[in-house]
Amino acid sequence: MATRPHTLALVAAGSALALGLTACGGGSDSAGPSSTSSSSTTTSASAEPPAGWPAGGGSSPTTRPTDSVNGNNAGPDCATGDLEVTSKPVDAGMNKQRFLLVFTNKGQAKCGLRDFPGVSFVTEPNGQPIGAPADREGTGDANIIITPGTQASALLQISGTGPQDPARCRESTVAGLRIYPPNQRESKYIELNTKACSSEAVHLLQIQAVHPGTNA
């Protein structure tokens, strides 16, 4: 997998959101992702991602073919600054937790979200990525149009560090998640105090493509 962007700046506080990630089963304290802290969404103006960043690469809004919610016409890519990104817990299983990354259009015009967001653990709100970035699951080539005030979402799964070989995992505490909306070079931050593997050989994050609404 490609690495995540490494230069981040200008982090501004945003709306608070609770993330209740709870491990199921297992005797280890790190058997699954867990957090008791609240989570906040912040905007981060970042430098350009390195080459190969899976969800970036869009330097300016582009118009996509018609393939959208409610038959709307195509629109430009949703800029990070026009989006609020929050999370919505879905369910928990053995050593894993799933929740939706919810993208709300806070701008003045409709825009499109195509394919996959980029997701990685970070050590602090404007800190460096740690561990492997999220693997993409499934396919996604629809341009999901969201009008002002409406939402689209992507399903994220976080696996726990408990089942991993400690020497291979190199467990570390992380502060949250860095979220790059599809085709954007600026990111959002969601607080999540949990454990992750600092080794890029261990993949704990899986992300699906953006879909309409906020149902899993």
Protein backbone atom coordinates (compact mmCIF):
# COMPACT_ATOMS: atom_id res chain seq x y z
CA MET A 1 0.00 0.00 0.00
CA ALA A 2 1.06 3.61 -0.51
CA THR A 3 2.04 5.76 2.40
CA ARG A 4 -0.04 8.57 3.81
CA PRO A 5 0.78 12.27 3.50
CA HIS A 6 3.38 13.33 6.04
CA THR A 7 3.05 17.12 6.26
CA LEU A 8 0.04 18.52 8.04
CA ALA A 9 -0.77 22.02 9.36
CA LEU A 10 -3.50 24.50 10.43
CA VAL A 11 -5.69 22.24 12.53
CA ALA A 12 -8.89 24.00 13.69
CA ALA A 13 -11.37 22.58 16.19
CA GLY A 14 -14.66 21.31 14.83
CA SER A 15 -17.76 19.49 16.02
CA ALA A 16 -17.58 16.88 18.78
CA LEU A 17 -18.52 13.28 18.18
CA ALA A 18 -18.51 10.24 20.45
CA LEU A 19 -16.76 7.10 19.23
CA GLY A 20 -17.59 4.03 21.30
CA LEU A 21 -15.21 1.40 20.00
CA THR A 22 -15.47 -1.66 22.19
CA ALA A 23 -13.67 -4.97 21.88
CA CYS A 24 -15.62 -8.20 21.98
CA GLY A 25 -14.05 -11.29 23.47
CA GLY A 26 -10.35 -11.93 24.06
CA GLY A 27 -8.41 -11.65 27.29
CA SER A 28 -5.94 -8.96 26.25
CA ASP A 29 -6.47 -5.28 26.97
CA SER A 30 -5.66 -4.67 23.30
CA ALA A 31 -7.85 -7.44 21.90
CA GLY A 32 -9.88 -4.95 19.90
CA PRO A 33 -10.06 -1.25 19.13
CA SER A 34 -11.42 0.71 22.08
CA SER A 35 -11.89 4.33 23.04
CA THR A 36 -13.57 6.15 25.89
CA SER A 37 -12.77 9.67 24.68
CA SER A 38 -14.95 11.94 22.58
CA SER A 39 -14.07 12.48 18.95
CA SER A 40 -13.92 15.77 17.11
CA THR A 41 -13.79 16.70 13.47
CA THR A 42 -11.17 19.21 12.41
CA THR A 43 -10.04 20.65 9.13
CA SER A 44 -6.42 20.29 8.18
CA ALA A 45 -4.76 22.10 5.30
CA SER A 46 -2.01 19.75 4.21
CA ALA A 47 0.81 19.72 1.74
CA GLU A 48 0.41 17.63 -1.37
CA PRO A 49 0.29 13.88 -0.72
CA PRO A 50 3.22 11.81 -1.92
CA ALA A 51 2.94 10.04 -5.26
CA GLY A 52 0.65 7.03 -5.17
CA TRP A 53 -1.64 8.25 -2.39
CA PRO A 54 -4.68 6.06 -3.03
CA ALA A 55 -7.49 8.53 -2.33
CA GLY A 56 -5.80 11.77 -3.34
CA GLY A 57 -4.44 13.10 -6.56
CA GLY A 58 -7.11 15.67 -7.33
CA SER A 59 -5.50 19.10 -7.49
CA SER A 60 -8.73 20.89 -8.47
CA PRO A 61 -12.45 20.08 -8.72
CA THR A 62 -13.38 18.08 -11.78
CA THR A 63 -16.72 17.27 -13.36
CA ARG A 64 -17.75 13.62 -13.36
CA PRO A 65 -20.23 11.75 -15.58
CA THR A 66 -23.82 11.51 -14.40
CA ASP A 67 -24.10 8.64 -11.90
CA SER A 68 -25.58 10.09 -8.80
CA VAL A 69 -28.16 10.28 -6.05
CA ASN A 70 -31.74 10.99 -7.14
CA GLY A 71 -30.70 11.39 -10.76
CA ASN A 72 -28.95 14.71 -10.16
CA ASN A 73 -26.60 15.95 -12.84
CA ALA A 74 -22.86 15.56 -12.38
CA GLY A 75 -21.07 18.04 -10.16
CA PRO A 76 -17.51 18.94 -9.16
CA ASP A 77 -15.64 16.91 -6.59
CA CYS A 78 -16.54 17.85 -3.00
CA ALA A 79 -13.77 20.02 -1.58
CA THR A 80 -12.57 19.10 1.90
CA GLY A 81 -13.42 22.56 3.18
CA ASP A 82 -17.06 22.12 2.17
CA LEU A 83 -17.42 18.83 4.05
CA GLU A 84 -18.07 17.91 7.66
CA VAL A 85 -16.74 14.42 8.43
CA THR A 86 -18.10 12.53 11.43
CA SER A 87 -18.40 8.90 12.43
CA LYS A 88 -21.37 6.66 13.20
CA PRO A 89 -20.80 3.35 15.05
CA VAL A 90 -22.34 0.38 13.25
CA ASP A 91 -21.47 -2.82 15.12
CA ALA A 92 -18.72 -4.66 16.95
CA GLY A 93 -17.42 -8.17 16.50
CA MET A 94 -14.55 -10.32 17.70
CA ASN A 95 -11.49 -8.05 17.72
CA LYS A 96 -13.03 -5.56 15.32
CA GLN A 97 -15.35 -2.57 15.11
CA ARG A 98 -17.19 -1.09 12.14
CA PHE A 99 -18.51 2.41 11.75
CA LEU A 100 -19.49 4.82 9.00
CA LEU A 101 -17.49 7.84 8.00
CA VAL A 102 -20.25 10.35 7.25
CA PHE A 103 -19.62 13.19 4.78
CA THR A 104 -22.06 16.13 5.05
CA ASN A 105 -22.11 18.83 2.40
CA LYS A 106 -21.73 22.15 4.24
CA GLY A 107 -21.13 24.12 1.06
CA GLN A 108 -23.45 26.18 -1.08
CA ALA A 109 -23.63 23.87 -4.10
CA LYS A 110 -23.99 20.19 -4.92
CA CYS A 111 -20.78 18.20 -5.31
CA GLY A 112 -19.63 14.65 -5.92
CA LEU A 113 -17.79 11.97 -3.93
CA ARG A 114 -16.29 9.25 -6.11
CA ASP A 115 -14.65 6.01 -5.01
CA PHE A 116 -12.73 5.69 -1.72
CA PRO A 117 -11.62 8.08 1.01
CA GLY A 118 -8.12 7.68 2.39
CA VAL A 119 -7.78 6.71 6.05
CA SER A 120 -4.80 6.24 8.36
CA PHE A 121 -3.99 6.29 12.06
CA VAL A 122 -2.10 9.35 13.30
CA THR A 123 -0.08 9.96 16.43
CA GLU A 124 -1.63 13.40 17.10
CA PRO A 125 -4.08 15.79 15.37
CA ASN A 126 -1.40 17.24 13.09
CA GLY A 127 1.01 14.35 13.51
CA GLN A 128 2.51 11.70 11.31
CA PRO A 129 0.64 8.65 9.98
CA ILE A 130 1.41 5.42 11.78
CA GLY A 131 1.07 1.88 10.49
CA ALA A 132 -0.49 0.79 7.22
CA PRO A 133 -3.14 2.97 5.54
CA ALA A 134 -6.62 1.54 5.01
CA ASP A 135 -6.99 -1.22 2.46
CA ARG A 136 -9.76 -0.74 -0.08
CA GLU A 137 -12.57 -3.32 -0.05
CA GLY A 138 -14.84 -3.90 -3.03
CA THR A 139 -15.21 -1.59 -6.01
CA GLY A 140 -16.43 1.96 -6.37
CA ASP A 141 -16.78 4.08 -9.46
CA ALA A 142 -20.11 5.84 -8.89
CA ASN A 143 -20.08 9.61 -8.46
CA ILE A 144 -22.28 10.18 -5.41
CA ILE A 145 -23.80 13.64 -5.63
CA ILE A 146 -24.70 15.36 -2.36
CA THR A 147 -26.63 18.61 -2.31
CA PRO A 148 -26.12 21.15 0.51
CA GLY A 149 -27.10 19.60 3.83
CA THR A 150 -27.23 16.01 2.55
CA GLN A 151 -24.90 13.12 3.33
CA ALA A 152 -22.97 10.19 1.94
CA SER A 153 -20.85 7.70 3.85
CA ALA A 154 -18.17 5.02 3.64
CA LEU A 155 -17.90 1.94 5.86
CA LEU A 156 -14.66 1.62 7.84
CA GLN A 157 -13.54 -1.46 9.76
CA ILE A 158 -10.85 -1.34 12.45
CA SER A 159 -9.33 -4.61 13.61
CA GLY A 160 -7.76 -4.98 17.05
CA THR A 161 -4.09 -5.52 17.79
CA GLY A 162 -4.73 -8.45 20.15
CA PRO A 163 -4.43 -11.30 17.62
CA GLN A 164 -1.26 -9.86 16.07
CA ASP A 165 2.25 -11.08 16.78
CA PRO A 166 3.69 -8.44 19.16
CA ALA A 167 7.10 -8.35 17.49
CA ARG A 168 5.55 -7.90 14.06
CA CYS A 169 2.85 -5.46 15.18
CA ARG A 170 4.93 -3.10 17.36
CA GLU A 171 1.84 -1.83 19.18
CA SER A 172 1.52 1.90 19.73
CA THR A 173 -1.11 4.31 21.07
CA VAL A 174 -2.65 6.58 18.44
CA ALA A 175 -4.61 9.80 18.82
CA GLY A 176 -7.04 9.51 15.94
CA LEU A 177 -7.73 9.04 12.26
CA ARG A 178 -6.69 11.17 9.31
CA ILE A 179 -9.47 11.18 6.68
CA TYR A 180 -8.93 12.32 3.09
CA PRO A 181 -12.19 12.75 1.14
CA PRO A 182 -12.00 11.19 -2.33
CA ASN A 183 -9.73 13.06 -4.76
CA GLN A 184 -8.72 15.69 -2.20
CA ARG A 185 -5.33 16.82 -0.88
CA GLU A 186 -6.67 18.34 2.31
CA SER A 187 -7.87 16.21 5.18
CA LYS A 188 -10.07 15.93 8.24
CA TYR A 189 -9.14 14.57 11.65
CA ILE A 190 -11.30 12.42 13.94
CA GLU A 191 -10.14 11.83 17.51
CA LEU A 192 -9.83 8.19 18.49
CA ASN A 193 -7.54 7.16 21.35
CA THR A 194 -6.81 3.50 20.68
CA LYS A 195 -4.05 1.00 19.90
CA ALA A 196 -2.59 0.35 16.47
CA CYS A 197 0.34 -1.48 14.94
CA SER A 198 3.17 0.85 13.99
CA SER A 199 4.42 -1.71 11.48
CA GLU A 200 3.14 -1.16 7.94
CA ALA A 201 3.23 -4.92 7.47
CA VAL A 202 0.08 -5.25 9.63
CA HIS A 203 -3.14 -3.94 8.08
CA LEU A 204 -5.83 -3.06 10.62
CA LEU A 205 -7.95 -0.64 8.54
CA GLN A 206 -10.33 -1.55 5.73
CA ILE A 207 -12.42 1.05 3.89
CA GLN A 208 -15.28 0.65 1.41
CA ALA A 209 -16.30 3.09 -1.32
CA VAL A 210 -18.59 6.05 -0.66
CA HIS A 211 -22.31 5.31 -1.00
CA PRO A 212 -25.46 7.46 -0.65
CA GLY A 213 -26.95 8.13 2.77
CA THR A 214 -25.83 6.89 6.19
CA ASN A 215 -26.90 3.25 6.19
CA ALA A 216 -24.20 0.57 6.43
